[in-house]
PDB file of N, CA and C in Angstrom:
ATOM      1  N   MET A   1     104.516  67.727 121.141  1.00  0.00           N
ATOM      2  CA  MET A   1     104.683  68.853 120.244  1.00  0.00           C
ATOM      3  C   MET A   1     103.921  70.049 120.812  1.00  0.00           C
ATOM      4  N   SER A   2     104.539  71.200 120.894  1.00  0.00           N
ATOM      5  CA  SER A   2     103.896  72.383 121.461  1.00  0.00           C
ATOM      6  C   SER A   2     103.014  73.069 120.424  1.00  0.00           C
ATOM      7  N   ASP A   3     102.061  73.853 120.913  1.00  0.00           N
ATOM      8  CA  ASP A   3     101.173  74.620 120.046  1.00  0.00           C
ATOM      9  C   ASP A   3     101.821  75.965 119.741  1.00  0.00           C
ATOM     10  N   LEU A   4     102.512  76.055 118.621  1.00  0.00           N
ATOM     11  CA  LEU A   4     103.187  77.300 118.262  1.00  0.00           C
ATOM     12  C   LEU A   4     102.206  78.390 117.864  1.00  0.00           C
ATOM     13  N   GLY A   5     100.950  78.029 117.583  1.00  0.00           N
ATOM     14  CA  GLY A   5      99.945  79.011 117.235  1.00  0.00           C
ATOM     15  C   GLY A   5      99.757  80.053 118.319  1.00  0.00           C
ATOM     16  N   ALA A   6     100.034  79.690 119.569  1.00  0.00           N
ATOM     17  CA  ALA A   6      99.881  80.633 120.674  1.00  0.00           C
ATOM     18  C   ALA A   6     100.901  81.764 120.589  1.00  0.00           C
ATOM     19  N   THR A   7     101.974  81.573 119.826  1.00  0.00           N
ATOM     20  CA  THR A   7     103.006  82.599 119.726  1.00  0.00           C
ATOM     21  C   THR A   7     102.785  83.549 118.546  1.00  0.00           C
ATOM     22  N   VAL A   8     101.827  83.261 117.693  1.00  0.00           N
ATOM     23  CA  VAL A   8     101.594  84.079 116.507  1.00  0.00           C
ATOM     24  C   VAL A   8     100.861  85.363 116.886  1.00  0.00           C
ATOM     25  N   THR A   9     101.372  86.500 116.428  1.00  0.00           N
ATOM     26  CA  THR A   9     100.712  87.775 116.698  1.00  0.00           C
ATOM     27  C   THR A   9     100.145  88.421 115.437  1.00  0.00           C
ATOM     28  N   ALA A  10     100.603  87.980 114.270  1.00  0.00           N
ATOM     29  CA  ALA A  10     100.081  88.506 113.007  1.00  0.00           C
ATOM     30  C   ALA A  10     100.532  87.597 111.872  1.00  0.00           C
ATOM     31  N   LEU A  11      99.823  87.682 110.771  1.00  0.00           N
ATOM     32  CA  LEU A  11     100.198  86.981 109.549  1.00  0.00           C
ATOM     33  C   LEU A  11     100.063  88.005 108.424  1.00  0.00           C
ATOM     34  N   ARG A  12     101.178  88.350 107.787  1.00  0.00           N
ATOM     35  CA  ARG A  12     101.154  89.376 106.745  1.00  0.00           C
ATOM     36  C   ARG A  12     101.753  88.820 105.461  1.00  0.00           C
ATOM     37  N   PRO A  13     100.915  88.558 104.474  1.00  0.00           N
ATOM     38  CA  PRO A  13     101.458  88.073 103.205  1.00  0.00           C
ATOM     39  C   PRO A  13     102.201  89.168 102.453  1.00  0.00           C
ATOM     40  N   PHE A  14     103.175  88.769 101.677  1.00  0.00           N
ATOM     41  CA  PHE A  14     103.870  89.656 100.754  1.00  0.00           C
ATOM     42  C   PHE A  14     103.179  89.502  99.406  1.00  0.00           C
ATOM     43  N   VAL A  15     102.595  90.561  98.905  1.00  0.00           N
ATOM     44  CA  VAL A  15     101.856  90.537  97.643  1.00  0.00           C
ATOM     45  C   VAL A  15     102.728  91.177  96.568  1.00  0.00           C
ATOM     46  N   PRO A  16     103.010  90.446  95.485  1.00  0.00           N
ATOM     47  CA  PRO A  16     103.853  90.999  94.430  1.00  0.00           C
ATOM     48  C   PRO A  16     103.086  91.998  93.573  1.00  0.00           C
ATOM     49  N   CYS A  17     103.818  92.896  92.915  1.00  0.00           N
ATOM     50  CA  CYS A  17     103.169  93.785  91.944  1.00  0.00           C
ATOM     51  C   CYS A  17     104.132  94.135  90.828  1.00  0.00           C
ATOM     52  N   ASP A  18     103.566  94.338  89.641  1.00  0.00           N
ATOM     53  CA  ASP A  18     104.368  94.680  88.466  1.00  0.00           C
ATOM     54  C   ASP A  18     104.676  96.164  88.381  1.00  0.00           C
ATOM     55  N   ASP A  19     103.737  96.990  88.831  1.00  0.00           N
ATOM     56  CA  ASP A  19     103.893  98.444  88.756  1.00  0.00           C
ATOM     57  C   ASP A  19     103.629  98.993  90.160  1.00  0.00           C
ATOM     58  N   PHE A  20     104.681  99.264  90.897  1.00  0.00           N
ATOM     59  CA  PHE A  20     104.598  99.602  92.318  1.00  0.00           C
ATOM     60  C   PHE A  20     103.717 100.825  92.579  1.00  0.00           C
ATOM     61  N   GLU A  21     103.876 101.872  91.796  1.00  0.00           N
ATOM     62  CA  GLU A  21     103.077 103.088  91.999  1.00  0.00           C
ATOM     63  C   GLU A  21     101.606 102.831  91.687  1.00  0.00           C
ATOM     64  N   LEU A  22     101.330 102.166  90.587  1.00  0.00           N
ATOM     65  CA  LEU A  22      99.956 101.853  90.200  1.00  0.00           C
ATOM     66  C   LEU A  22      99.276 100.975  91.252  1.00  0.00           C
ATOM     67  N   CYS A  23      99.960  99.951  91.704  1.00  0.00           N
ATOM     68  CA  CYS A  23      99.376  99.037  92.699  1.00  0.00           C
ATOM     69  C   CYS A  23      99.096  99.757  94.016  1.00  0.00           C
ATOM     70  N   GLN A  24      99.957 100.676  94.403  1.00  0.00           N
ATOM     71  CA  GLN A  24      99.701 101.430  95.633  1.00  0.00           C
ATOM     72  C   GLN A  24      98.424 102.255  95.512  1.00  0.00           C
ATOM     73  N   ARG A  25      98.220 102.897  94.376  1.00  0.00           N
ATOM     74  CA  ARG A  25      96.985 103.666  94.165  1.00  0.00           C
ATOM     75  C   ARG A  25      95.776 102.735  94.151  1.00  0.00           C
ATOM     76  N   PHE A  26      95.917 101.583  93.512  1.00  0.00           N
ATOM     77  CA  PHE A  26      94.836 100.605  93.435  1.00  0.00           C
ATOM     78  C   PHE A  26      94.393 100.163  94.828  1.00  0.00           C
ATOM     79  N   TYR A  27      95.347  99.781  95.673  1.00  0.00           N
ATOM     80  CA  TYR A  27      94.980  99.276  96.999  1.00  0.00           C
ATOM     81  C   TYR A  27      94.420 100.374  97.898  1.00  0.00           C
ATOM     82  N   ALA A  28      94.885 101.590  97.743  1.00  0.00           N
ATOM     83  CA  ALA A  28      94.301 102.707  98.494  1.00  0.00           C
ATOM     84  C   ALA A  28      92.854 102.924  98.034  1.00  0.00           C
ATOM     85  N   ASP A  29      92.615 102.894  96.733  1.00  0.00           N
ATOM     86  CA  ASP A  29      91.255 103.051  96.220  1.00  0.00           C
ATOM     87  C   ASP A  29      90.356 101.884  96.609  1.00  0.00           C
ATOM     88  N   LEU A  30      90.919 100.701  96.705  1.00  0.00           N
ATOM     89  CA  LEU A  30      90.140  99.542  97.127  1.00  0.00           C
ATOM     90  C   LEU A  30      89.661  99.694  98.566  1.00  0.00           C
ATOM     91  N   GLY A  31      90.407 100.450  99.380  1.00  0.00           N
ATOM     92  CA  GLY A  31      89.961 100.702 100.740  1.00  0.00           C
ATOM     93  C   GLY A  31      90.972 100.396 101.815  1.00  0.00           C
ATOM     94  N   PHE A  32      92.189 100.053 101.431  1.00  0.00           N
ATOM     95  CA  PHE A  32      93.234  99.785 102.411  1.00  0.00           C
ATOM     96  C   PHE A  32      93.963 101.081 102.763  1.00  0.00           C
ATOM     97  N   ALA A  33      94.335 101.214 104.022  1.00  0.00           N
ATOM     98  CA  ALA A  33      95.065 102.392 104.480  1.00  0.00           C
ATOM     99  C   ALA A  33      96.564 102.177 104.264  1.00  0.00           C
ATOM    100  N   PRO A  34      97.228 103.117 103.580  1.00  0.00           N
ATOM    101  CA  PRO A  34      98.673 102.978 103.406  1.00  0.00           C
ATOM    102  C   PRO A  34      99.411 103.314 104.693  1.00  0.00           C
ATOM    103  N   GLY A  35     100.506 102.615 104.904  1.00  0.00           N
ATOM    104  CA  GLY A  35     101.356 102.869 106.065  1.00  0.00           C
ATOM    105  C   GLY A  35     102.778 103.088 105.598  1.00  0.00           C
ATOM    106  N   HIS A  36     103.719 102.401 106.222  1.00  0.00           N
ATOM    107  CA  HIS A  36     105.136 102.511 105.858  1.00  0.00           C
ATOM    108  C   HIS A  36     105.309 102.267 104.364  1.00  0.00           C
ATOM    109  N   ARG A  37     106.245 103.018 103.791  1.00  0.00           N
ATOM    110  CA  ARG A  37     106.575 102.825 102.392  1.00  0.00           C
ATOM    111  C   ARG A  37     108.045 103.135 102.186  1.00  0.00           C
ATOM    112  N   ASP A  38     108.705 102.283 101.431  1.00  0.00           N
ATOM    113  CA  ASP A  38     110.056 102.575 100.960  1.00  0.00           C
ATOM    114  C   ASP A  38     110.152 102.057  99.533  1.00  0.00           C
ATOM    115  N   ALA A  39     111.334 101.943  98.990  1.00  0.00           N
ATOM    116  CA  ALA A  39     111.484 101.536  97.595  1.00  0.00           C
ATOM    117  C   ALA A  39     111.137 100.066  97.356  1.00  0.00           C
ATOM    118  N   SER A  40     111.117  99.262  98.422  1.00  0.00           N
ATOM    119  CA  SER A  40     110.896  97.823  98.280  1.00  0.00           C
ATOM    120  C   SER A  40     109.500  97.358  98.661  1.00  0.00           C
ATOM    121  N   ILE A  41     108.900  97.984  99.688  1.00  0.00           N
ATOM    122  CA  ILE A  41     107.594  97.539 100.173  1.00  0.00           C
ATOM    123  C   ILE A  41     106.718  98.727 100.559  1.00  0.00           C
ATOM    124  N   ALA A  42     105.427  98.456 100.558  1.00  0.00           N
ATOM    125  CA  ALA A  42     104.443  99.397 101.091  1.00  0.00           C
ATOM    126  C   ALA A  42     103.478  98.565 101.917  1.00  0.00           C
ATOM    127  N   ILE A  43     103.227  98.986 103.127  1.00  0.00           N
ATOM    128  CA  ILE A  43     102.329  98.244 104.015  1.00  0.00           C
ATOM    129  C   ILE A  43     100.940  98.858 103.929  1.00  0.00           C
ATOM    130  N   PHE A  44      99.945  98.005 103.703  1.00  0.00           N
ATOM    131  CA  PHE A  44      98.546  98.422 103.648  1.00  0.00           C
ATOM    132  C   PHE A  44      97.780  97.666 104.716  1.00  0.00           C
ATOM    133  N   SER A  45      96.791  98.340 105.325  1.00  0.00           N
ATOM    134  CA  SER A  45      96.046  97.690 106.399  1.00  0.00           C
ATOM    135  C   SER A  45      94.569  98.042 106.343  1.00  0.00           C
ATOM    136  N   SER A  46      93.810  97.239 107.066  1.00  0.00           N
ATOM    137  CA  SER A  46      92.379  97.462 107.263  1.00  0.00           C
ATOM    138  C   SER A  46      91.970  96.683 108.496  1.00  0.00           C
ATOM    139  N   GLY A  47      91.364  97.379 109.445  1.00  0.00           N
ATOM    140  CA  GLY A  47      90.825  96.707 110.626  1.00  0.00           C
ATOM    141  C   GLY A  47      91.816  95.899 111.431  1.00  0.00           C
ATOM    142  N   GLY A  48      93.053  96.337 111.531  1.00  0.00           N
ATOM    143  CA  GLY A  48      94.038  95.621 112.330  1.00  0.00           C
ATOM    144  C   GLY A  48      94.787  94.528 111.577  1.00  0.00           C
ATOM    145  N   PHE A  49      94.444  94.324 110.316  1.00  0.00           N
ATOM    146  CA  PHE A  49      95.127  93.328 109.492  1.00  0.00           C
ATOM    147  C   PHE A  49      95.885  94.058 108.395  1.00  0.00           C
ATOM    148  N   SER A  50      96.988  93.459 107.948  1.00  0.00           N
ATOM    149  CA  SER A  50      97.786  94.149 106.942  1.00  0.00           C
ATOM    150  C   SER A  50      98.484  93.169 106.006  1.00  0.00           C
ATOM    151  N   PHE A  51      98.967  93.727 104.909  1.00  0.00           N
ATOM    152  CA  PHE A  51      99.800  92.965 103.983  1.00  0.00           C
ATOM    153  C   PHE A  51     100.905  93.874 103.481  1.00  0.00           C
ATOM    154  N   LEU A  52     101.958  93.280 102.957  1.00  0.00           N
ATOM    155  CA  LEU A  52     103.091  94.025 102.424  1.00  0.00           C
ATOM    156  C   LEU A  52     103.061  93.921 100.908  1.00  0.00           C
ATOM    157  N   LEU A  53     102.869  95.040 100.272  1.00  0.00           N
ATOM    158  CA  LEU A  53     102.944  95.103  98.826  1.00  0.00           C
ATOM    159  C   LEU A  53     104.417  95.220  98.475  1.00  0.00           C
ATOM    160  N   GLN A  54     104.900  94.279  97.688  1.00  0.00           N
ATOM    161  CA  GLN A  54     106.335  94.318  97.385  1.00  0.00           C
ATOM    162  C   GLN A  54     106.582  94.788  95.964  1.00  0.00           C
ATOM    163  N   ASN A  55     107.591  95.576  95.829  1.00  0.00           N
ATOM    164  CA  ASN A  55     108.016  96.069  94.532  1.00  0.00           C
ATOM    165  C   ASN A  55     108.801  94.939  93.874  1.00  0.00           C
ATOM    166  N   TYR A  56     108.057  93.935  93.438  1.00  0.00           N
ATOM    167  CA  TYR A  56     108.671  92.712  92.936  1.00  0.00           C
ATOM    168  C   TYR A  56     107.796  92.127  91.837  1.00  0.00           C
ATOM    169  N   ARG A  57     108.360  91.974  90.678  1.00  0.00           N
ATOM    170  CA  ARG A  57     107.654  91.393  89.536  1.00  0.00           C
ATOM    171  C   ARG A  57     107.765  89.872  89.618  1.00  0.00           C
ATOM    172  N   TRP A  58     106.623  89.225  89.709  1.00  0.00           N
ATOM    173  CA  TRP A  58     106.571  87.765  89.828  1.00  0.00           C
ATOM    174  C   TRP A  58     105.617  87.267  88.757  1.00  0.00           C
ATOM    175  N   GLU A  59     106.154  86.868  87.638  1.00  0.00           N
ATOM    176  CA  GLU A  59     105.338  86.526  86.468  1.00  0.00           C
ATOM    177  C   GLU A  59     104.271  85.472  86.753  1.00  0.00           C
ATOM    178  N   SER A  60     104.589  84.451  87.515  1.00  0.00           N
ATOM    179  CA  SER A  60     103.604  83.381  87.756  1.00  0.00           C
ATOM    180  C   SER A  60     102.512  83.788  88.739  1.00  0.00           C
ATOM    181  N   ALA A  61     102.619  84.988  89.340  1.00  0.00           N
ATOM    182  CA  ALA A  61     101.553  85.455  90.246  1.00  0.00           C
ATOM    183  C   ALA A  61     100.229  85.535  89.503  1.00  0.00           C
ATOM    184  N   LYS A  62     100.286  85.841  88.223  1.00  0.00           N
ATOM    185  CA  LYS A  62      99.066  85.957  87.434  1.00  0.00           C
ATOM    186  C   LYS A  62      98.294  84.647  87.394  1.00  0.00           C
ATOM    187  N   ASP A  63      98.964  83.549  87.572  1.00  0.00           N
ATOM    188  CA  ASP A  63      98.326  82.240  87.505  1.00  0.00           C
ATOM    189  C   ASP A  63      98.184  81.563  88.861  1.00  0.00           C
ATOM    190  N   ASN A  64      98.890  82.049  89.878  1.00  0.00           N
ATOM    191  CA  ASN A  64      98.993  81.268  91.109  1.00  0.00           C
ATOM    192  C   ASN A  64      98.689  81.984  92.407  1.00  0.00           C
ATOM    193  N   TYR A  65      98.696  83.294  92.468  1.00  0.00           N
ATOM    194  CA  TYR A  65      98.627  83.984  93.754  1.00  0.00           C
ATOM    195  C   TYR A  65      97.194  84.370  94.086  1.00  0.00           C
ATOM    196  N   VAL A  66      96.714  83.883  95.236  1.00  0.00           N
ATOM    197  CA  VAL A  66      95.353  84.164  95.700  1.00  0.00           C
ATOM    198  C   VAL A  66      95.421  84.576  97.160  1.00  0.00           C
ATOM    199  N   VAL A  67      94.661  85.619  97.505  1.00  0.00           N
ATOM    200  CA  VAL A  67      94.528  86.067  98.888  1.00  0.00           C
ATOM    201  C   VAL A  67      93.038  86.069  99.223  1.00  0.00           C
ATOM    202  N   GLN A  68      92.690  85.503 100.366  1.00  0.00           N
ATOM    203  CA  GLN A  68      91.305  85.581 100.827  1.00  0.00           C
ATOM    204  C   GLN A  68      91.216  86.630 101.918  1.00  0.00           C
ATOM    205  N   LEU A  69      90.358  87.607 101.704  1.00  0.00           N
ATOM    206  CA  LEU A  69      90.105  88.656 102.674  1.00  0.00           C
ATOM    207  C   LEU A  69      88.712  88.396 103.238  1.00  0.00           C
ATOM    208  N   ILE A  70      88.631  88.057 104.513  1.00  0.00           N
ATOM    209  CA  ILE A  70      87.346  87.743 105.134  1.00  0.00           C
ATOM    210  C   ILE A  70      86.813  89.008 105.795  1.00  0.00           C
ATOM    211  N   VAL A  71      85.598  89.385 105.408  1.00  0.00           N
ATOM    212  CA  VAL A  71      84.990  90.625 105.864  1.00  0.00           C
ATOM    213  C   VAL A  71      83.626  90.351 106.495  1.00  0.00           C
ATOM    214  N   THR A  72      83.111  91.341 107.210  1.00  0.00           N
ATOM    215  CA  THR A  72      81.790  91.195 107.828  1.00  0.00           C
ATOM    216  C   THR A  72      80.675  91.707 106.934  1.00  0.00           C
ATOM    217  N   ASP A  73      81.004  92.546 105.939  1.00  0.00           N
ATOM    218  CA  ASP A  73      79.984  93.125 105.073  1.00  0.00           C
ATOM    219  C   ASP A  73      80.509  93.215 103.640  1.00  0.00           C
ATOM    220  N   VAL A  74      80.302  92.156 102.891  1.00  0.00           N
ATOM    221  CA  VAL A  74      80.805  92.111 101.518  1.00  0.00           C
ATOM    222  C   VAL A  74      80.085  93.136 100.639  1.00  0.00           C
ATOM    223  N   ASP A  75      78.836  93.457 100.973  1.00  0.00           N
ATOM    224  CA  ASP A  75      78.108  94.456 100.187  1.00  0.00           C
ATOM    225  C   ASP A  75      78.747  95.843 100.311  1.00  0.00           C
ATOM    226  N   ALA A  76      79.279  96.167 101.482  1.00  0.00           N
ATOM    227  CA  ALA A  76      79.978  97.446 101.665  1.00  0.00           C
ATOM    228  C   ALA A  76      81.231  97.484 100.791  1.00  0.00           C
ATOM    229  N   TRP A  77      81.947  96.382 100.694  1.00  0.00           N
ATOM    230  CA  TRP A  77      83.130  96.329  99.828  1.00  0.00           C
ATOM    231  C   TRP A  77      82.713  96.465  98.371  1.00  0.00           C
ATOM    232  N   GLN A  78      81.616  95.807  97.982  1.00  0.00           N
ATOM    233  CA  GLN A  78      81.143  95.927  96.598  1.00  0.00           C
ATOM    234  C   GLN A  78      80.756  97.369  96.295  1.00  0.00           C
ATOM    235  N   ALA A  79      80.087  98.029  97.246  1.00  0.00           N
ATOM    236  CA  ALA A  79      79.694  99.425  97.052  1.00  0.00           C
ATOM    237  C   ALA A  79      80.929 100.308  96.869  1.00  0.00           C
ATOM    238  N   ARG A  80      81.975 100.066  97.645  1.00  0.00           N
ATOM    239  CA  ARG A  80      83.219 100.841  97.530  1.00  0.00           C
ATOM    240  C   ARG A  80      83.845 100.629  96.152  1.00  0.00           C
ATOM    241  N   ILE A  81      83.920  99.377  95.732  1.00  0.00           N
ATOM    242  CA  ILE A  81      84.502  99.036  94.424  1.00  0.00           C
ATOM    243  C   ILE A  81      83.735  99.734  93.309  1.00  0.00           C
ATOM    244  N   ASP A  82      82.405  99.720  93.392  1.00  0.00           N
ATOM    245  CA  ASP A  82      81.571 100.360  92.375  1.00  0.00           C
ATOM    246  C   ASP A  82      81.717 101.879  92.412  1.00  0.00           C
ATOM    247  N   ALA A  83      81.720 102.469  93.613  1.00  0.00           N
ATOM    248  CA  ALA A  83      81.800 103.932  93.752  1.00  0.00           C
ATOM    249  C   ALA A  83      83.109 104.484  93.190  1.00  0.00           C
ATOM    250  N   VAL A  84      84.191 103.750  93.403  1.00  0.00           N
ATOM    251  CA  VAL A  84      85.506 104.182  92.918  1.00  0.00           C
ATOM    252  C   VAL A  84      85.652 103.923  91.417  1.00  0.00           C
ATOM    253  N   GLY A  85      84.849 102.998  90.890  1.00  0.00           N
ATOM    254  CA  GLY A  85      84.984 102.613  89.488  1.00  0.00           C
ATOM    255  C   GLY A  85      86.266 101.848  89.256  1.00  0.00           C
ATOM    256  N   LEU A  86      86.567 100.951  90.200  1.00  0.00           N
ATOM    257  CA  LEU A  86      87.858 100.254  90.213  1.00  0.00           C
ATOM    258  C   LEU A  86      88.173  99.546  88.897  1.00  0.00           C
ATOM    259  N   ALA A  87      87.193  98.836  88.330  1.00  0.00           N
ATOM    260  CA  ALA A  87      87.443  98.076  87.100  1.00  0.00           C
ATOM    261  C   ALA A  87      87.847  98.999  85.954  1.00  0.00           C
ATOM    262  N   ALA A  88      87.096 100.055  85.750  1.00  0.00           N
ATOM    263  CA  ALA A  88      87.402 100.974  84.646  1.00  0.00           C
ATOM    264  C   ALA A  88      88.664 101.784  84.912  1.00  0.00           C
ATOM    265  N   LYS A  89      88.839 102.227  86.140  1.00  0.00           N
ATOM    266  CA  LYS A  89      89.979 103.078  86.485  1.00  0.00           C
ATOM    267  C   LYS A  89      91.315 102.362  86.316  1.00  0.00           C
ATOM    268  N   TYR A  90      91.340 101.049  86.659  1.00  0.00           N
ATOM    269  CA  TYR A  90      92.598 100.314  86.636  1.00  0.00           C
ATOM    270  C   TYR A  90      92.657  99.216  85.570  1.00  0.00           C
ATOM    271  N   GLY A  91      91.560  99.034  84.827  1.00  0.00           N
ATOM    272  CA  GLY A  91      91.540  97.986  83.808  1.00  0.00           C
ATOM    273  C   GLY A  91      91.637  96.594  84.399  1.00  0.00           C
ATOM    274  N   VAL A  92      91.042  96.419  85.589  1.00  0.00           N
ATOM    275  CA  VAL A  92      91.104  95.128  86.270  1.00  0.00           C
ATOM    276  C   VAL A  92      89.762  94.411  86.147  1.00  0.00           C
ATOM    277  N   ARG A  93      89.781  93.141  86.441  1.00  0.00           N
ATOM    278  CA  ARG A  93      88.572  92.320  86.376  1.00  0.00           C
ATOM    279  C   ARG A  93      87.972  92.197  87.773  1.00  0.00           C
ATOM    280  N   ILE A  94      86.672  92.460  87.853  1.00  0.00           N
ATOM    281  CA  ILE A  94      85.920  92.316  89.094  1.00  0.00           C
ATOM    282  C   ILE A  94      84.751  91.374  88.806  1.00  0.00           C
ATOM    283  N   VAL A  95      84.591  90.341  89.614  1.00  0.00           N
ATOM    284  CA  VAL A  95      83.405  89.492  89.545  1.00  0.00           C
ATOM    285  C   VAL A  95      82.561  89.873  90.749  1.00  0.00           C
ATOM    286  N   PRO A  96      81.388  90.508  90.504  1.00  0.00           N
ATOM    287  CA  PRO A  96      80.572  91.018  91.611  1.00  0.00           C
ATOM    288  C   PRO A  96      80.146  89.929  92.586  1.00  0.00           C
ATOM    289  N   VAL A  97      79.592  90.369  93.699  1.00  0.00           N
ATOM    290  CA  VAL A  97      79.161  89.458  94.766  1.00  0.00           C
ATOM    291  C   VAL A  97      78.353  88.301  94.187  1.00  0.00           C
ATOM    292  N   LYS A  98      78.730  87.107  94.598  1.00  0.00           N
ATOM    293  CA  LYS A  98      77.962  85.920  94.232  1.00  0.00           C
ATOM    294  C   LYS A  98      77.991  84.951  95.398  1.00  0.00           C
ATOM    295  N   ASP A  99      76.996  84.112  95.464  1.00  0.00           N
ATOM    296  CA  ASP A  99      76.902  83.099  96.515  1.00  0.00           C
ATOM    297  C   ASP A  99      77.726  81.886  96.129  1.00  0.00           C
ATOM    298  N   GLU A 100      78.446  81.362  97.102  1.00  0.00           N
ATOM    299  CA  GLU A 100      79.264  80.155  96.920  1.00  0.00           C
ATOM    300  C   GLU A 100      78.816  79.121  97.947  1.00  0.00           C
ATOM    301  N   PRO A 101      78.870  77.840  97.607  1.00  0.00           N
ATOM    302  CA  PRO A 101      78.401  76.802  98.524  1.00  0.00           C
ATOM    303  C   PRO A 101      79.401  76.412  99.609  1.00  0.00           C
ATOM    304  N   TRP A 102      80.654  76.832  99.499  1.00  0.00           N
ATOM    305  CA  TRP A 102      81.671  76.372 100.436  1.00  0.00           C
ATOM    306  C   TRP A 102      81.634  77.159 101.737  1.00  0.00           C
ATOM    307  N   GLY A 103      82.214  76.556 102.746  1.00  0.00           N
ATOM    308  CA  GLY A 103      82.174  77.135 104.093  1.00  0.00           C
ATOM    309  C   GLY A 103      80.931  76.645 104.806  1.00  0.00           C
ATOM    310  N   ALA A 104      80.935  76.704 106.099  1.00  0.00           N
ATOM    311  CA  ALA A 104      79.770  76.269 106.879  1.00  0.00           C
ATOM    312  C   ALA A 104      78.638  77.254 106.626  1.00  0.00           C
ATOM    313  N   GLY A 105      77.653  76.847 105.882  1.00  0.00           N
ATOM    314  CA  GLY A 105      76.535  77.723 105.579  1.00  0.00           C
ATOM    315  C   GLY A 105      76.705  78.543 104.320  1.00  0.00           C
ATOM    316  N   GLY A 106      77.807  78.368 103.612  1.00  0.00           N
ATOM    317  CA  GLY A 106      78.030  79.099 102.376  1.00  0.00           C
ATOM    318  C   GLY A 106      78.745  80.420 102.604  1.00  0.00           C
ATOM    319  N   ALA A 107      78.962  81.124 101.514  1.00  0.00           N
ATOM    320  CA  ALA A 107      79.686  82.386 101.555  1.00  0.00           C
ATOM    321  C   ALA A 107      79.212  83.270 100.420  1.00  0.00           C
ATOM    322  N   ARG A 108      79.441  84.564 100.585  1.00  0.00           N
ATOM    323  CA  ARG A 108      79.224  85.547  99.529  1.00  0.00           C
ATOM    324  C   ARG A 108      80.601  86.107  99.191  1.00  0.00           C
ATOM    325  N   VAL A 109      80.928  86.126  97.897  1.00  0.00           N
ATOM    326  CA  VAL A 109      82.304  86.414  97.490  1.00  0.00           C
ATOM    327  C   VAL A 109      82.346  87.411  96.328  1.00  0.00           C
ATOM    328  N   ILE A 110      83.283  88.350  96.411  1.00  0.00           N
ATOM    329  CA  ILE A 110      83.664  89.197  95.283  1.00  0.00           C
ATOM    330  C   ILE A 110      85.052  88.732  94.864  1.00  0.00           C
ATOM    331  N   ASN A 111      85.273  88.561  93.579  1.00  0.00           N
ATOM    332  CA  ASN A 111      86.610  88.265  93.079  1.00  0.00           C
ATOM    333  C   ASN A 111      87.167  89.523  92.443  1.00  0.00           C
ATOM    334  N   VAL A 112      88.324  89.943  92.921  1.00  0.00           N
ATOM    335  CA  VAL A 112      89.007  91.118  92.402  1.00  0.00           C
ATOM    336  C   VAL A 112      90.389  90.665  91.938  1.00  0.00           C
ATOM    337  N   ILE A 113      90.680  90.941  90.683  1.00  0.00           N
ATOM    338  CA  ILE A 113      92.005  90.625  90.163  1.00  0.00           C
ATOM    339  C   ILE A 113      92.761  91.947  90.035  1.00  0.00           C
ATOM    340  N   ASP A 114      93.829  92.089  90.809  1.00  0.00           N
ATOM    341  CA  ASP A 114      94.551  93.367  90.874  1.00  0.00           C
ATOM    342  C   ASP A 114      95.347  93.615  89.589  1.00  0.00           C
ATOM    343  N   PRO A 115      95.993  94.771  89.448  1.00  0.00           N
ATOM    344  CA  PRO A 115      96.721  95.087  88.218  1.00  0.00           C
ATOM    345  C   PRO A 115      97.839  94.112  87.863  1.00  0.00           C
ATOM    346  N   THR A 116      98.345  93.376  88.828  1.00  0.00           N
ATOM    347  CA  THR A 116      99.393  92.389  88.566  1.00  0.00           C
ATOM    348  C   THR A 116      98.818  91.042  88.174  1.00  0.00           C
ATOM    349  N   GLY A 117      97.579  90.772  88.577  1.00  0.00           N
ATOM    350  CA  GLY A 117      96.955  89.487  88.317  1.00  0.00           C
ATOM    351  C   GLY A 117      96.699  88.690  89.579  1.00  0.00           C
ATOM    352  N   VAL A 118      97.001  89.266  90.742  1.00  0.00           N
ATOM    353  CA  VAL A 118      96.733  88.605  92.015  1.00  0.00           C
ATOM    354  C   VAL A 118      95.220  88.577  92.232  1.00  0.00           C
ATOM    355  N   LEU A 119      94.696  87.414  92.553  1.00  0.00           N
ATOM    356  CA  LEU A 119      93.267  87.232  92.775  1.00  0.00           C
ATOM    357  C   LEU A 119      92.951  87.402  94.252  1.00  0.00           C
ATOM    358  N   TRP A 120      92.038  88.311  94.561  1.00  0.00           N
ATOM    359  CA  TRP A 120      91.558  88.527  95.924  1.00  0.00           C
ATOM    360  C   TRP A 120      90.135  88.003  96.019  1.00  0.00           C
ATOM    361  N   HIS A 121      89.919  87.062  96.944  1.00  0.00           N
ATOM    362  CA  HIS A 121      88.568  86.593  97.267  1.00  0.00           C
ATOM    363  C   HIS A 121      88.127  87.428  98.483  1.00  0.00           C
ATOM    364  N   ILE A 122      87.255  88.387  98.251  1.00  0.00           N
ATOM    365  CA  ILE A 122      86.703  89.160  99.365  1.00  0.00           C
ATOM    366  C   ILE A 122      85.449  88.419  99.797  1.00  0.00           C
ATOM    367  N   THR A 123      85.520  87.827 100.986  1.00  0.00           N
ATOM    368  CA  THR A 123      84.560  86.809 101.404  1.00  0.00           C
ATOM    369  C   THR A 123      83.833  87.156 102.693  1.00  0.00           C
ATOM    370  N   GLN A 124      82.520  86.956 102.664  1.00  0.00           N
ATOM    371  CA  GLN A 124      81.704  87.039 103.869  1.00  0.00           C
ATOM    372  C   GLN A 124      81.062  85.680 104.060  1.00  0.00           C
ATOM    373  N   PHE A 125      81.367  85.039 105.174  1.00  0.00           N
ATOM    374  CA  PHE A 125      80.747  83.746 105.446  1.00  0.00           C
ATOM    375  C   PHE A 125      79.366  83.956 106.044  1.00  0.00           C
ATOM    376  N   ASN A 126      78.434  83.106 105.626  1.00  0.00           N
ATOM    377  CA  ASN A 126      77.054  83.193 106.127  1.00  0.00           C
ATOM    378  C   ASN A 126      76.945  82.611 107.508  1.00  0.00           C
TER     379      ASN A 126
END
């Protein structure tokens, strides 16, 4: 069996949203750079990584969709979230940085639930 991993150049999840315009503003305020946009998708990126925000209502996303964003400085992300006032501005739930026991040596994690209900684990491994 060949190692197909050698052929992978990127991995971009499609993230659903209930309100396409609102979600685009949310992700820009969170710190992602907007790129291509049309009526169906908007591409957001940070540091060479990206995801496709889709203009697609997916009811079970509120219960099932999780994205882990691995960062080098979770405190910088927390500072950005606080400075923008993300929770109050968008009516979303933010669980501030906390230590988690998982991962080699543990992790520091912020949980951000976007306007659709998608859970983002913004994670810095120790």
